């Protein structure tokens, strides 16, 4: 009986941590879009106007 209680408690304590991790996966890469005529500069993290 004590084992079942311990197992249930562990599942209830750990479930939110696993759910939060699963909900936030896939956000490692973000896409930056710039206005027409400009390009993304990774060094500065902003859009720069293209020179012709």
PDB file of N, CA and C in Angstrom:
ATOM      1  N   UNK A   1       0.822  -1.190   0.000  1.00  0.00           N
ATOM      2  CA  UNK A   1       0.000   0.000   0.000  1.00  0.00           C
ATOM      3  C   UNK A   1       0.867   1.256   0.000  1.00  0.00           C
ATOM      4  N   UNK A   2       1.938   1.237   0.791  1.00  0.00           N
ATOM      5  CA  UNK A   2       2.808   2.403   0.857  1.00  0.00           C
ATOM      6  C   UNK A   2       3.504   2.651  -0.479  1.00  0.00           C
ATOM      7  N   UNK A   3       3.826   1.564  -1.180  1.00  0.00           N
ATOM      8  CA  UNK A   3       4.485   1.698  -2.479  1.00  0.00           C
ATOM      9  C   UNK A   3       3.569   2.386  -3.484  1.00  0.00           C
ATOM     10  N   UNK A   4       2.295   2.023  -3.496  1.00  0.00           N
ATOM     11  CA  UNK A   4       1.334   2.645  -4.405  1.00  0.00           C
ATOM     12  C   UNK A   4       1.182   4.132  -4.090  1.00  0.00           C
ATOM     13  N   UNK A   5       1.142   4.465  -2.821  1.00  0.00           N
ATOM     14  CA  UNK A   5       1.014   5.864  -2.411  1.00  0.00           C
ATOM     15  C   UNK A   5       2.247   6.660  -2.836  1.00  0.00           C
ATOM     16  N   UNK A   6       3.420   6.079  -2.656  1.00  0.00           N
ATOM     17  CA  UNK A   6       4.663   6.732  -3.056  1.00  0.00           C
ATOM     18  C   UNK A   6       4.728   6.926  -4.565  1.00  0.00           C
ATOM     19  N   UNK A   7       4.320   5.922  -5.310  1.00  0.00           N
ATOM     20  CA  UNK A   7       4.321   5.997  -6.762  1.00  0.00           C
ATOM     21  C   UNK A   7       3.325   7.046  -7.259  1.00  0.00           C
ATOM     22  N   UNK A   8       2.155   7.090  -6.676  1.00  0.00           N
ATOM     23  CA  UNK A   8       1.149   8.081  -7.051  1.00  0.00           C
ATOM     24  C   UNK A   8       1.622   9.492  -6.733  1.00  0.00           C
ATOM     25  N   UNK A   9       2.209   9.678  -5.574  1.00  0.00           N
ATOM     26  CA  UNK A   9       2.730  10.991  -5.183  1.00  0.00           C
ATOM     27  C   UNK A   9       3.831  11.441  -6.137  1.00  0.00           C
ATOM     28  N   UNK A  10       4.722  10.549  -6.477  1.00  0.00           N
ATOM     29  CA  UNK A  10       5.805  10.887  -7.401  1.00  0.00           C
ATOM     30  C   UNK A  10       5.253  11.276  -8.765  1.00  0.00           C
ATOM     31  N   UNK A  11       4.243  10.552  -9.235  1.00  0.00           N
ATOM     32  CA  UNK A  11       3.647  10.873 -10.533  1.00  0.00           C
ATOM     33  C   UNK A  11       2.977  12.241 -10.506  1.00  0.00           C
ATOM     34  N   UNK A  12       2.286  12.562  -9.433  1.00  0.00           N
ATOM     35  CA  UNK A  12       1.610  13.857  -9.329  1.00  0.00           C
ATOM     36  C   UNK A  12       2.599  15.016  -9.193  1.00  0.00           C
ATOM     37  N   UNK A  13       3.721  14.765  -8.567  1.00  0.00           N
ATOM     38  CA  UNK A  13       4.730  15.817  -8.401  1.00  0.00           C
ATOM     39  C   UNK A  13       5.485  16.051  -9.704  1.00  0.00           C
ATOM     40  N   UNK A  14       5.800  14.991 -10.433  1.00  0.00           N
ATOM     41  CA  UNK A  14       6.618  15.109 -11.638  1.00  0.00           C
ATOM     42  C   UNK A  14       5.824  15.438 -12.899  1.00  0.00           C
ATOM     43  N   UNK A  15       4.534  15.179 -12.927  1.00  0.00           N
ATOM     44  CA  UNK A  15       3.731  15.392 -14.133  1.00  0.00           C
ATOM     45  C   UNK A  15       3.783  16.840 -14.644  1.00  0.00           C
ATOM     46  N   UNK A  16       3.639  17.857 -13.798  1.00  0.00           N
ATOM     47  CA  UNK A  16       3.698  19.231 -14.330  1.00  0.00           C
ATOM     48  C   UNK A  16       5.050  19.586 -14.959  1.00  0.00           C
ATOM     49  N   UNK A  17       6.125  19.048 -14.421  1.00  0.00           N
ATOM     50  CA  UNK A  17       7.442  19.334 -14.988  1.00  0.00           C
ATOM     51  C   UNK A  17       7.569  18.752 -16.394  1.00  0.00           C
ATOM     52  N   UNK A  18       7.089  17.534 -16.586  1.00  0.00           N
ATOM     53  CA  UNK A  18       7.142  16.921 -17.910  1.00  0.00           C
ATOM     54  C   UNK A  18       6.202  17.622 -18.879  1.00  0.00           C
ATOM     55  N   UNK A  19       5.050  18.054 -18.406  1.00  0.00           N
ATOM     56  CA  UNK A  19       4.093  18.747 -19.268  1.00  0.00           C
ATOM     57  C   UNK A  19       4.636  20.104 -19.703  1.00  0.00           C
ATOM     58  N   UNK A  20       5.273  20.825 -18.807  1.00  0.00           N
ATOM     59  CA  UNK A  20       5.838  22.129 -19.150  1.00  0.00           C
ATOM     60  C   UNK A  20       6.962  21.984 -20.159  1.00  0.00           C
ATOM     61  N   UNK A  21       7.770  20.962 -20.008  1.00  0.00           N
ATOM     62  CA  UNK A  21       8.875  20.726 -20.936  1.00  0.00           C
ATOM     63  C   UNK A  21       8.348  20.360 -22.324  1.00  0.00           C
ATOM     64  N   UNK A  22       7.315  19.563 -22.378  1.00  0.00           N
ATOM     65  CA  UNK A  22       6.753  19.144 -23.667  1.00  0.00           C
ATOM     66  C   UNK A  22       6.071  20.300 -24.373  1.00  0.00           C
ATOM     67  N   UNK A  23       5.440  21.181 -23.623  1.00  0.00           N
ATOM     68  CA  UNK A  23       4.726  22.303 -24.224  1.00  0.00           C
ATOM     69  C   UNK A  23       5.684  23.350 -24.786  1.00  0.00           C
ATOM     70  N   UNK A  24       6.886  23.415 -24.266  1.00  0.00           N
ATOM     71  CA  UNK A  24       7.820  24.458 -24.683  1.00  0.00           C
ATOM     72  C   UNK A  24       8.918  23.946 -25.606  1.00  0.00           C
ATOM     73  N   UNK A  25       8.830  22.744 -26.059  1.00  0.00           N
ATOM     74  CA  UNK A  25       9.877  22.242 -26.933  1.00  0.00           C
ATOM     75  C   UNK A  25       9.713  22.810 -28.340  1.00  0.00           C
ATOM     76  N   UNK A  26      10.811  22.917 -29.064  1.00  0.00           N
ATOM     77  CA  UNK A  26      10.765  23.403 -30.433  1.00  0.00           C
ATOM     78  C   UNK A  26      10.946  24.897 -30.570  1.00  0.00           C
ATOM     79  N   UNK A  27      11.323  25.577 -29.486  1.00  0.00           N
ATOM     80  CA  UNK A  27      11.505  27.022 -29.562  1.00  0.00           C
ATOM     81  C   UNK A  27      12.979  27.409 -29.614  1.00  0.00           C
ATOM     82  N   UNK A  28      13.819  26.485 -29.976  1.00  0.00           N
ATOM     83  CA  UNK A  28      15.241  26.786 -29.997  1.00  0.00           C
ATOM     84  C   UNK A  28      15.602  27.773 -31.103  1.00  0.00           C
ATOM     85  N   UNK A  29      14.907  27.665 -32.235  1.00  0.00           N
ATOM     86  CA  UNK A  29      15.213  28.534 -33.367  1.00  0.00           C
ATOM     87  C   UNK A  29      14.034  29.443 -33.642  1.00  0.00           C
ATOM     88  N   UNK A  30      14.318  30.726 -33.766  1.00  0.00           N
ATOM     89  CA  UNK A  30      13.285  31.682 -34.118  1.00  0.00           C
ATOM     90  C   UNK A  30      13.637  32.272 -35.473  1.00  0.00           C
ATOM     91  N   UNK A  31      12.624  32.640 -36.212  1.00  0.00           N
ATOM     92  CA  UNK A  31      12.835  33.183 -37.538  1.00  0.00           C
ATOM     93  C   UNK A  31      12.600  34.684 -37.485  1.00  0.00           C
ATOM     94  N   UNK A  32      13.550  35.432 -38.001  1.00  0.00           N
ATOM     95  CA  UNK A  32      13.442  36.885 -38.045  1.00  0.00           C
ATOM     96  C   UNK A  32      13.072  37.270 -39.465  1.00  0.00           C
ATOM     97  N   UNK A  33      12.054  38.076 -39.619  1.00  0.00           N
ATOM     98  CA  UNK A  33      11.695  38.544 -40.954  1.00  0.00           C
ATOM     99  C   UNK A  33      11.947  40.045 -41.013  1.00  0.00           C
ATOM    100  N   UNK A  34      12.513  40.469 -42.109  1.00  0.00           N
ATOM    101  CA  UNK A  34      12.843  41.880 -42.304  1.00  0.00           C
ATOM    102  C   UNK A  34      11.988  42.443 -43.434  1.00  0.00           C
ATOM    103  N   UNK A  35      11.882  43.746 -43.447  1.00  0.00           N
ATOM    104  CA  UNK A  35      11.134  44.417 -44.502  1.00  0.00           C
ATOM    105  C   UNK A  35      11.829  44.217 -45.845  1.00  0.00           C
ATOM    106  N   UNK A  36      11.077  44.399 -46.896  1.00  0.00           N
ATOM    107  CA  UNK A  36      11.635  44.243 -48.240  1.00  0.00           C
ATOM    108  C   UNK A  36      12.768  45.248 -48.432  1.00  0.00           C
ATOM    109  N   UNK A  37      13.871  44.767 -48.993  1.00  0.00           N
ATOM    110  CA  UNK A  37      15.032  45.624 -49.225  1.00  0.00           C
ATOM    111  C   UNK A  37      16.019  45.605 -48.075  1.00  0.00           C
ATOM    112  N   UNK A  38      15.778  44.771 -47.079  1.00  0.00           N
ATOM    113  CA  UNK A  38      16.716  44.657 -45.971  1.00  0.00           C
ATOM    114  C   UNK A  38      16.951  43.190 -45.656  1.00  0.00           C
ATOM    115  N   UNK A  39      18.053  42.911 -44.987  1.00  0.00           N
ATOM    116  CA  UNK A  39      18.424  41.551 -44.631  1.00  0.00           C
ATOM    117  C   UNK A  39      18.744  41.489 -43.142  1.00  0.00           C
ATOM    118  N   UNK A  40      18.624  40.299 -42.577  1.00  0.00           N
ATOM    119  CA  UNK A  40      18.906  40.101 -41.159  1.00  0.00           C
ATOM    120  C   UNK A  40      20.409  39.983 -40.931  1.00  0.00           C
ATOM    121  N   UNK A  41      20.942  40.759 -39.993  1.00  0.00           N
ATOM    122  CA  UNK A  41      22.351  40.708 -39.622  1.00  0.00           C
ATOM    123  C   UNK A  41      22.458  39.964 -38.291  1.00  0.00           C
ATOM    124  N   UNK A  42      23.019  38.753 -38.321  1.00  0.00           N
ATOM    125  CA  UNK A  42      23.089  37.919 -37.132  1.00  0.00           C
ATOM    126  C   UNK A  42      24.004  38.506 -36.061  1.00  0.00           C
ATOM    127  N   UNK A  43      25.014  39.258 -36.457  1.00  0.00           N
ATOM    128  CA  UNK A  43      25.947  39.836 -35.487  1.00  0.00           C
ATOM    129  C   UNK A  43      25.263  40.856 -34.590  1.00  0.00           C
ATOM    130  N   UNK A  44      24.443  41.704 -35.187  1.00  0.00           N
ATOM    131  CA  UNK A  44      23.771  42.748 -34.411  1.00  0.00           C
ATOM    132  C   UNK A  44      22.377  42.338 -33.976  1.00  0.00           C
ATOM    133  N   UNK A  45      21.827  41.298 -34.607  1.00  0.00           N
ATOM    134  CA  UNK A  45      20.487  40.849 -34.265  1.00  0.00           C
ATOM    135  C   UNK A  45      19.405  41.781 -34.760  1.00  0.00           C
ATOM    136  N   UNK A  46      19.675  42.487 -35.855  1.00  0.00           N
ATOM    137  CA  UNK A  46      18.685  43.419 -36.400  1.00  0.00           C
ATOM    138  C   UNK A  46      18.730  43.391 -37.927  1.00  0.00           C
ATOM    139  N   UNK A  47      17.793  44.081 -38.535  1.00  0.00           N
ATOM    140  CA  UNK A  47      17.735  44.156 -39.990  1.00  0.00           C
ATOM    141  C   UNK A  47      18.596  45.311 -40.491  1.00  0.00           C
ATOM    142  N   UNK A  48      19.302  45.074 -41.565  1.00  0.00           N
ATOM    143  CA  UNK A  48      20.136  46.105 -42.191  1.00  0.00           C
ATOM    144  C   UNK A  48      19.661  46.315 -43.609  1.00  0.00           C
ATOM    145  N   UNK A  49      19.691  47.564 -44.055  1.00  0.00           N
ATOM    146  CA  UNK A  49      19.288  47.888 -45.417  1.00  0.00           C
ATOM    147  C   UNK A  49      20.355  47.378 -46.370  1.00  0.00           C
ATOM    148  N   UNK A  50      19.927  46.694 -47.431  1.00  0.00           N
ATOM    149  CA  UNK A  50      20.871  46.166 -48.420  1.00  0.00           C
ATOM    150  C   UNK A  50      21.398  47.298 -49.263  1.00  0.00           C
ATOM    151  N   UNK A  51      22.693  47.338 -49.471  1.00  0.00           N
ATOM    152  CA  UNK A  51      23.260  48.341 -50.359  1.00  0.00           C
ATOM    153  C   UNK A  51      23.437  47.738 -51.744  1.00  0.00           C
ATOM    154  N   UNK A  52      23.145  48.509 -52.757  1.00  0.00           N
ATOM    155  CA  UNK A  52      23.242  47.967 -54.125  1.00  0.00           C
ATOM    156  C   UNK A  52      24.543  48.306 -54.791  1.00  0.00           C
TER     157      UNK A  52
END
